[in-house]
Amino acid sequence: MSSAFENTTAKTPTSEETHNVTKAISNYTTQTAPFFDPALKLAIAIEFYFQYAIIGLGLFGIASNVLVLYALVAYHVRETKKKAINLLMINQNLLDLTACFLLVITFLVRLSNISLTGALGYFICVAFIGESFTSCTVYGSIINLMRMLY
């Protein structure tokens, strides 16, 4: 009696099948991987430096808005006639200062590879990485500018 293993024979590949497999392997080995693509590397480098440029502009915006806010508040306190337009300009400056501050925090959180797990991670993701806080202050600033025009 012969067992089931004795009757099975291995099928040897034909030369055409061998050629197709060799061709497929050579296609995979000769193609450049996407992470070695010079254009992709350049785009990633530009994006990286662009984020630092935004942080720098945000810090400049914070400094300039603090100076303007100080001047407006000092003038508002000294003036005997307290006009409503001064209060609107102070409010606009506070909104711009907050927007710059939140922009800097947003891009610092994006650049630091922190683990976003749990409730705190969800909050950071929604508030800062999703730019919810920043966009709210920018929309408030736009609404305040429209109020100052009319």
N, C-alpha and C. Protein backbone atom coordinates (compact mmCIF):
# COMPACT_ATOMS: atom_id res chain seq x y z
N MET A 1 0.81 -1.16 0.00
CA MET A 1 0.00 0.00 0.00
C MET A 1 0.87 1.24 0.00
N SER A 2 0.41 2.21 -0.77
CA SER A 2 1.16 3.47 -0.85
C SER A 2 0.40 4.54 -0.08
N SER A 3 1.13 5.39 0.54
CA SER A 3 0.50 6.45 1.31
C SER A 3 0.17 7.63 0.38
N ALA A 4 -0.57 8.54 0.91
CA ALA A 4 -0.98 9.71 0.13
C ALA A 4 0.21 10.60 -0.20
N PHE A 5 1.26 10.53 0.60
CA PHE A 5 2.42 11.37 0.37
C PHE A 5 3.29 10.86 -0.78
N GLU A 6 3.25 9.62 -1.03
CA GLU A 6 4.07 9.06 -2.09
C GLU A 6 3.55 9.44 -3.47
N ASN A 7 2.27 9.66 -3.63
CA ASN A 7 1.67 9.95 -4.93
C ASN A 7 1.79 11.42 -5.33
N THR A 8 2.07 12.25 -4.40
CA THR A 8 2.16 13.68 -4.74
C THR A 8 3.56 13.99 -5.22
N THR A 9 3.62 14.74 -6.26
CA THR A 9 4.91 15.18 -6.79
C THR A 9 4.88 16.69 -6.91
N ALA A 10 6.00 17.29 -6.73
CA ALA A 10 6.10 18.74 -6.84
C ALA A 10 6.13 19.12 -8.30
N LYS A 11 5.35 20.10 -8.64
CA LYS A 11 5.31 20.57 -10.01
C LYS A 11 6.46 21.55 -10.20
N THR A 12 7.27 21.34 -11.18
CA THR A 12 8.36 22.25 -11.46
C THR A 12 7.86 23.35 -12.37
N PRO A 13 8.24 24.59 -12.07
CA PRO A 13 7.76 25.70 -12.90
C PRO A 13 8.39 25.66 -14.29
N THR A 14 7.61 26.11 -15.23
CA THR A 14 8.11 26.18 -16.60
C THR A 14 9.02 27.39 -16.72
N SER A 15 9.71 27.47 -17.84
CA SER A 15 10.64 28.59 -18.03
C SER A 15 9.90 29.91 -18.14
N GLU A 16 8.68 29.88 -18.67
CA GLU A 16 7.90 31.11 -18.79
C GLU A 16 7.47 31.61 -17.42
N GLU A 17 7.04 30.69 -16.54
CA GLU A 17 6.64 31.09 -15.19
C GLU A 17 7.84 31.62 -14.41
N THR A 18 8.99 30.99 -14.59
CA THR A 18 10.21 31.45 -13.92
C THR A 18 10.58 32.85 -14.40
N HIS A 19 10.45 33.10 -15.70
CA HIS A 19 10.77 34.39 -16.27
C HIS A 19 9.83 35.47 -15.72
N ASN A 20 8.53 35.15 -15.58
CA ASN A 20 7.56 36.13 -15.05
C ASN A 20 7.87 36.48 -13.60
N VAL A 21 8.22 35.46 -12.81
CA VAL A 21 8.55 35.72 -11.41
C VAL A 21 9.81 36.55 -11.31
N THR A 22 10.82 36.23 -12.11
CA THR A 22 12.08 36.99 -12.10
C THR A 22 11.84 38.43 -12.52
N LYS A 23 10.99 38.62 -13.51
CA LYS A 23 10.67 39.97 -13.99
C LYS A 23 9.96 40.77 -12.90
N ALA A 24 9.03 40.14 -12.18
CA ALA A 24 8.30 40.82 -11.11
C ALA A 24 9.25 41.21 -9.98
N ILE A 25 10.17 40.30 -9.64
CA ILE A 25 11.12 40.60 -8.57
C ILE A 25 12.04 41.74 -8.98
N SER A 26 12.49 41.73 -10.22
CA SER A 26 13.38 42.80 -10.66
C SER A 26 12.66 44.14 -10.72
N ASN A 27 11.36 44.13 -11.03
CA ASN A 27 10.61 45.39 -11.03
C ASN A 27 10.53 45.97 -9.62
N TYR A 28 10.35 45.11 -8.61
CA TYR A 28 10.26 45.59 -7.24
C TYR A 28 11.61 46.06 -6.72
N THR A 29 12.66 45.42 -7.15
CA THR A 29 13.98 45.81 -6.63
C THR A 29 14.58 47.00 -7.36
N THR A 30 14.19 47.26 -8.59
CA THR A 30 14.77 48.40 -9.31
C THR A 30 13.99 49.68 -9.11
N GLN A 31 12.75 49.60 -8.66
CA GLN A 31 11.98 50.82 -8.43
C GLN A 31 12.49 51.50 -7.17
N THR A 32 12.48 52.84 -7.20
CA THR A 32 12.89 53.58 -6.01
C THR A 32 11.72 53.65 -5.05
N ALA A 33 12.02 53.50 -3.80
CA ALA A 33 10.99 53.59 -2.77
C ALA A 33 10.53 55.03 -2.66
N PRO A 34 9.27 55.25 -2.27
CA PRO A 34 8.77 56.62 -2.19
C PRO A 34 9.54 57.50 -1.20
N PHE A 35 10.10 56.91 -0.13
CA PHE A 35 10.81 57.74 0.84
C PHE A 35 12.20 58.11 0.36
N PHE A 36 12.66 57.57 -0.77
CA PHE A 36 13.93 57.98 -1.36
C PHE A 36 13.72 58.97 -2.51
N ASP A 37 12.49 59.33 -2.77
CA ASP A 37 12.18 60.26 -3.85
C ASP A 37 12.69 61.65 -3.47
N PRO A 38 13.57 62.25 -4.27
CA PRO A 38 14.12 63.57 -3.91
C PRO A 38 13.06 64.67 -3.86
N ALA A 39 12.06 64.60 -4.71
CA ALA A 39 11.02 65.63 -4.70
C ALA A 39 10.21 65.55 -3.40
N LEU A 40 9.95 64.33 -2.94
CA LEU A 40 9.21 64.16 -1.68
C LEU A 40 10.04 64.65 -0.50
N LYS A 41 11.34 64.37 -0.52
CA LYS A 41 12.22 64.85 0.54
C LYS A 41 12.25 66.37 0.58
N LEU A 42 12.28 67.00 -0.58
CA LEU A 42 12.28 68.45 -0.65
C LEU A 42 10.97 69.02 -0.12
N ALA A 43 9.86 68.41 -0.48
CA ALA A 43 8.55 68.87 -0.01
C ALA A 43 8.43 68.73 1.51
N ILE A 44 8.94 67.65 2.06
CA ILE A 44 8.90 67.45 3.52
C ILE A 44 9.78 68.48 4.22
N ALA A 45 10.95 68.76 3.65
CA ALA A 45 11.85 69.75 4.24
C ALA A 45 11.23 71.14 4.19
N ILE A 46 10.60 71.48 3.08
CA ILE A 46 9.95 72.79 2.97
C ILE A 46 8.81 72.91 3.97
N GLU A 47 8.01 71.85 4.10
CA GLU A 47 6.92 71.87 5.06
C GLU A 47 7.44 72.03 6.49
N PHE A 48 8.54 71.36 6.81
CA PHE A 48 9.14 71.45 8.15
C PHE A 48 9.59 72.87 8.45
N TYR A 49 10.32 73.50 7.53
CA TYR A 49 10.80 74.86 7.75
C TYR A 49 9.66 75.87 7.69
N PHE A 50 8.63 75.58 6.92
CA PHE A 50 7.47 76.47 6.83
C PHE A 50 6.75 76.52 8.17
N GLN A 51 6.67 75.38 8.86
CA GLN A 51 6.02 75.36 10.17
C GLN A 51 6.82 76.20 11.17
N TYR A 52 8.14 76.14 11.11
CA TYR A 52 8.94 76.99 11.99
C TYR A 52 8.80 78.47 11.62
N ALA A 53 8.64 78.76 10.34
CA ALA A 53 8.42 80.15 9.93
C ALA A 53 7.09 80.67 10.46
N ILE A 54 6.07 79.82 10.47
CA ILE A 54 4.77 80.23 11.02
C ILE A 54 4.89 80.49 12.52
N ILE A 55 5.66 79.65 13.21
CA ILE A 55 5.86 79.89 14.64
C ILE A 55 6.57 81.22 14.86
N GLY A 56 7.57 81.53 14.03
CA GLY A 56 8.27 82.81 14.14
C GLY A 56 7.35 83.99 13.88
N LEU A 57 6.50 83.87 12.86
CA LEU A 57 5.55 84.95 12.58
C LEU A 57 4.53 85.09 13.70
N GLY A 58 4.13 83.97 14.28
CA GLY A 58 3.20 84.04 15.41
C GLY A 58 3.82 84.74 16.61
N LEU A 59 5.10 84.46 16.87
CA LEU A 59 5.78 85.13 17.98
C LEU A 59 5.94 86.63 17.71
N PHE A 60 6.23 86.98 16.46
CA PHE A 60 6.29 88.39 16.09
C PHE A 60 4.92 89.05 16.26
N GLY A 61 3.86 88.35 15.88
CA GLY A 61 2.50 88.86 16.05
C GLY A 61 2.14 89.06 17.51
N ILE A 62 2.58 88.12 18.35
CA ILE A 62 2.32 88.26 19.79
C ILE A 62 3.02 89.51 20.33
N ALA A 63 4.29 89.69 19.97
CA ALA A 63 5.05 90.85 20.46
C ALA A 63 4.44 92.16 19.99
N SER A 64 4.09 92.22 18.72
CA SER A 64 3.53 93.48 18.20
C SER A 64 2.14 93.76 18.77
N ASN A 65 1.33 92.73 18.96
CA ASN A 65 0.00 92.95 19.53
C ASN A 65 0.08 93.35 21.00
N VAL A 66 1.05 92.85 21.72
CA VAL A 66 1.23 93.27 23.12
C VAL A 66 1.61 94.74 23.18
N LEU A 67 2.49 95.18 22.29
CA LEU A 67 2.88 96.60 22.27
C LEU A 67 1.71 97.51 21.92
N VAL A 68 0.96 97.13 20.91
CA VAL A 68 -0.20 97.93 20.51
C VAL A 68 -1.26 97.93 21.61
N LEU A 69 -1.47 96.79 22.23
CA LEU A 69 -2.46 96.71 23.31
C LEU A 69 -2.05 97.59 24.49
N TYR A 70 -0.77 97.58 24.81
CA TYR A 70 -0.28 98.46 25.89
C TYR A 70 -0.53 99.93 25.55
N ALA A 71 -0.24 100.31 24.31
CA ALA A 71 -0.45 101.71 23.91
C ALA A 71 -1.93 102.07 23.94
N LEU A 72 -2.79 101.17 23.47
CA LEU A 72 -4.23 101.46 23.46
C LEU A 72 -4.79 101.56 24.87
N VAL A 73 -4.40 100.66 25.74
CA VAL A 73 -4.91 100.70 27.11
C VAL A 73 -4.38 101.94 27.83
N ALA A 74 -3.11 102.28 27.64
CA ALA A 74 -2.55 103.46 28.29
C ALA A 74 -3.26 104.73 27.80
N TYR A 75 -3.55 104.81 26.51
CA TYR A 75 -4.26 105.97 25.96
C TYR A 75 -5.69 106.01 26.47
N HIS A 76 -6.32 104.83 26.56
CA HIS A 76 -7.71 104.76 27.01
C HIS A 76 -7.84 105.17 28.48
N VAL A 77 -6.86 104.83 29.27
CA VAL A 77 -6.90 105.18 30.68
C VAL A 77 -6.67 106.69 30.85
N ARG A 78 -5.76 107.27 30.07
CA ARG A 78 -5.45 108.70 30.20
C ARG A 78 -6.57 109.59 29.66
N GLU A 79 -7.28 109.12 28.68
CA GLU A 79 -8.28 109.95 28.05
C GLU A 79 -9.51 110.09 28.94
N THR A 80 -9.98 111.32 29.02
CA THR A 80 -11.16 111.55 29.85
C THR A 80 -12.43 111.14 29.12
N LYS A 81 -12.47 111.34 27.80
CA LYS A 81 -13.63 110.91 27.01
C LYS A 81 -13.38 109.47 26.57
N LYS A 82 -14.07 108.55 27.13
CA LYS A 82 -13.88 107.15 26.77
C LYS A 82 -14.82 106.82 25.62
N LYS A 83 -14.25 106.72 24.44
CA LYS A 83 -15.04 106.44 23.26
C LYS A 83 -15.22 104.94 23.10
N ALA A 84 -16.33 104.56 22.52
CA ALA A 84 -16.60 103.13 22.31
C ALA A 84 -15.68 102.55 21.25
N ILE A 85 -15.22 103.37 20.31
CA ILE A 85 -14.34 102.85 19.26
C ILE A 85 -13.02 102.38 19.84
N ASN A 86 -12.55 103.02 20.91
CA ASN A 86 -11.32 102.57 21.56
C ASN A 86 -11.51 101.17 22.16
N LEU A 87 -12.66 100.93 22.74
CA LEU A 87 -12.93 99.62 23.31
C LEU A 87 -13.01 98.56 22.23
N LEU A 88 -13.56 98.90 21.08
CA LEU A 88 -13.61 97.94 19.97
C LEU A 88 -12.21 97.64 19.45
N MET A 89 -11.36 98.68 19.41
CA MET A 89 -9.99 98.45 18.95
C MET A 89 -9.20 97.62 19.96
N ILE A 90 -9.43 97.83 21.23
CA ILE A 90 -8.78 97.01 22.26
C ILE A 90 -9.26 95.57 22.15
N ASN A 91 -10.56 95.39 21.94
CA ASN A 91 -11.10 94.04 21.77
C ASN A 91 -10.51 93.37 20.53
N GLN A 92 -10.38 94.11 19.45
CA GLN A 92 -9.79 93.55 18.23
C GLN A 92 -8.34 93.13 18.47
N ASN A 93 -7.62 93.96 19.18
CA ASN A 93 -6.22 93.64 19.47
C ASN A 93 -6.11 92.43 20.38
N LEU A 94 -7.00 92.29 21.35
CA LEU A 94 -7.00 91.11 22.20
C LEU A 94 -7.31 89.84 21.41
N LEU A 95 -8.25 89.94 20.49
CA LEU A 95 -8.57 88.78 19.64
C LEU A 95 -7.39 88.40 18.75
N ASP A 96 -6.71 89.39 18.20
CA ASP A 96 -5.53 89.11 17.36
C ASP A 96 -4.40 88.51 18.19
N LEU A 97 -4.21 89.02 19.39
CA LEU A 97 -3.19 88.48 20.28
C LEU A 97 -3.49 87.03 20.65
N THR A 98 -4.73 86.74 20.95
CA THR A 98 -5.13 85.37 21.27
C THR A 98 -4.96 84.45 20.07
N ALA A 99 -5.32 84.94 18.89
CA ALA A 99 -5.16 84.12 17.68
C ALA A 99 -3.69 83.80 17.42
N CYS A 100 -2.81 84.79 17.59
CA CYS A 100 -1.37 84.54 17.40
C CYS A 100 -0.85 83.56 18.43
N PHE A 101 -1.27 83.72 19.68
CA PHE A 101 -0.83 82.83 20.75
C PHE A 101 -1.28 81.39 20.47
N LEU A 102 -2.54 81.22 20.09
CA LEU A 102 -3.05 79.87 19.80
C LEU A 102 -2.42 79.28 18.54
N LEU A 103 -2.06 80.13 17.58
CA LEU A 103 -1.37 79.65 16.38
C LEU A 103 0.00 79.08 16.74
N VAL A 104 0.71 79.77 17.61
CA VAL A 104 2.03 79.29 18.04
C VAL A 104 1.88 77.97 18.80
N ILE A 105 0.91 77.89 19.69
CA ILE A 105 0.69 76.64 20.44
C ILE A 105 0.31 75.51 19.51
N THR A 106 -0.55 75.79 18.53
CA THR A 106 -0.98 74.75 17.59
C THR A 106 0.20 74.17 16.83
N PHE A 107 1.07 75.02 16.32
CA PHE A 107 2.20 74.50 15.53
C PHE A 107 3.27 73.88 16.41
N LEU A 108 3.41 74.33 17.66
CA LEU A 108 4.34 73.66 18.57
C LEU A 108 3.84 72.27 18.91
N VAL A 109 2.54 72.12 19.09
CA VAL A 109 1.98 70.79 19.37
C VAL A 109 2.14 69.89 18.15
N ARG A 110 1.97 70.43 16.96
CA ARG A 110 2.15 69.63 15.75
C ARG A 110 3.59 69.17 15.58
N LEU A 111 4.54 70.03 15.90
CA LEU A 111 5.95 69.67 15.72
C LEU A 111 6.46 68.71 16.79
N SER A 112 5.90 68.79 17.98
CA SER A 112 6.30 67.84 19.03
C SER A 112 5.47 66.58 18.85
N ASN A 113 6.12 65.48 18.72
CA ASN A 113 5.43 64.21 18.48
C ASN A 113 4.99 63.61 19.81
N ILE A 114 3.95 64.20 20.39
CA ILE A 114 3.45 63.69 21.65
C ILE A 114 2.42 62.62 21.39
N SER A 115 2.27 61.73 22.35
CA SER A 115 1.30 60.65 22.23
C SER A 115 -0.08 61.18 22.57
N LEU A 116 -1.01 61.01 21.66
CA LEU A 116 -2.37 61.52 21.86
C LEU A 116 -3.29 60.37 22.25
N THR A 117 -3.21 59.96 23.51
CA THR A 117 -4.05 58.88 24.00
C THR A 117 -4.90 59.38 25.15
N GLY A 118 -6.03 58.79 25.31
CA GLY A 118 -6.92 59.13 26.41
C GLY A 118 -7.69 60.40 26.16
N ALA A 119 -8.31 60.88 27.23
CA ALA A 119 -9.15 62.07 27.15
C ALA A 119 -8.33 63.33 26.85
N LEU A 120 -7.16 63.43 27.47
CA LEU A 120 -6.31 64.60 27.22
C LEU A 120 -5.81 64.60 25.77
N GLY A 121 -5.45 63.45 25.26
CA GLY A 121 -5.02 63.35 23.87
C GLY A 121 -6.13 63.73 22.90
N TYR A 122 -7.36 63.31 23.22
CA TYR A 122 -8.50 63.67 22.37
C TYR A 122 -8.72 65.18 22.40
N PHE A 123 -8.63 65.77 23.59
CA PHE A 123 -8.81 67.21 23.71
C PHE A 123 -7.74 67.97 22.93
N ILE A 124 -6.48 67.56 23.07
CA ILE A 124 -5.39 68.22 22.34
C ILE A 124 -5.58 68.08 20.85
N CYS A 125 -6.00 66.90 20.42
CA CYS A 125 -6.21 66.66 18.98
C CYS A 125 -7.32 67.55 18.43
N VAL A 126 -8.43 67.61 19.14
CA VAL A 126 -9.56 68.42 18.65
C VAL A 126 -9.26 69.91 18.75
N ALA A 127 -8.69 70.33 19.87
CA ALA A 127 -8.52 71.76 20.11
C ALA A 127 -7.36 72.36 19.34
N PHE A 128 -6.21 71.67 19.34
CA PHE A 128 -5.02 72.28 18.77
C PHE A 128 -4.66 71.73 17.40
N ILE A 129 -4.60 70.43 17.26
CA ILE A 129 -4.23 69.87 15.96
C ILE A 129 -5.34 70.10 14.94
N GLY A 130 -6.58 70.04 15.40
CA GLY A 130 -7.71 70.34 14.51
C GLY A 130 -7.95 71.82 14.34
N GLU A 131 -7.19 72.66 15.02
CA GLU A 131 -7.23 74.12 14.94
C GLU A 131 -8.60 74.71 15.30
N SER A 132 -9.32 74.08 16.22
CA SER A 132 -10.63 74.60 16.61
C SER A 132 -10.51 75.93 17.35
N PHE A 133 -9.60 76.00 18.31
CA PHE A 133 -9.45 77.23 19.08
C PHE A 133 -8.95 78.38 18.20
N THR A 134 -7.99 78.10 17.36
CA THR A 134 -7.43 79.14 16.51
C THR A 134 -8.47 79.68 15.55
N SER A 135 -9.23 78.78 14.93
CA SER A 135 -10.23 79.25 13.97
C SER A 135 -11.35 80.01 14.67
N CYS A 136 -11.70 79.65 15.90
CA CYS A 136 -12.72 80.41 16.63
C CYS A 136 -12.27 81.84 16.90
N THR A 137 -11.02 82.01 17.29
CA THR A 137 -10.54 83.37 17.54
C THR A 137 -10.40 84.17 16.25
N VAL A 138 -10.02 83.51 15.16
CA VAL A 138 -9.92 84.21 13.87
C VAL A 138 -11.32 84.64 13.41
N TYR A 139 -12.31 83.76 13.57
CA TYR A 139 -13.68 84.13 13.19
C TYR A 139 -14.20 85.26 14.08
N GLY A 140 -13.89 85.22 15.36
CA GLY A 140 -14.27 86.32 16.25
C GLY A 140 -13.62 87.63 15.84
N SER A 141 -12.36 87.55 15.40
CA SER A 141 -11.66 88.74 14.93
C SER A 141 -12.32 89.31 13.68
N ILE A 142 -12.71 88.43 12.77
CA ILE A 142 -13.39 88.88 11.55
C ILE A 142 -14.73 89.53 11.87
N ILE A 143 -15.48 88.94 12.77
CA ILE A 143 -16.77 89.50 13.16
C ILE A 143 -16.57 90.86 13.83
N ASN A 144 -15.57 90.98 14.66
CA ASN A 144 -15.29 92.26 15.31
C ASN A 144 -14.87 93.33 14.30
N LEU A 145 -14.10 92.94 13.29
CA LEU A 145 -13.73 93.90 12.24
C LEU A 145 -14.96 94.36 11.47
N MET A 146 -15.86 93.46 11.21
CA MET A 146 -17.10 93.84 10.51
C MET A 146 -17.93 94.79 11.38
N ARG A 147 -17.92 94.59 12.69
CA ARG A 147 -18.66 95.46 13.59
C ARG A 147 -18.03 96.85 13.61
N MET A 148 -16.70 96.92 13.51
CA MET A 148 -16.04 98.23 13.52
C MET A 148 -16.31 99.01 12.23
N LEU A 149 -16.58 98.32 11.13
CA LEU A 149 -16.83 99.00 9.86
C LEU A 149 -18.21 99.64 9.82
N TYR A 150 -19.17 99.06 10.51
CA TYR A 150 -20.56 99.56 10.42
C TYR A 150 -20.99 100.27 11.65
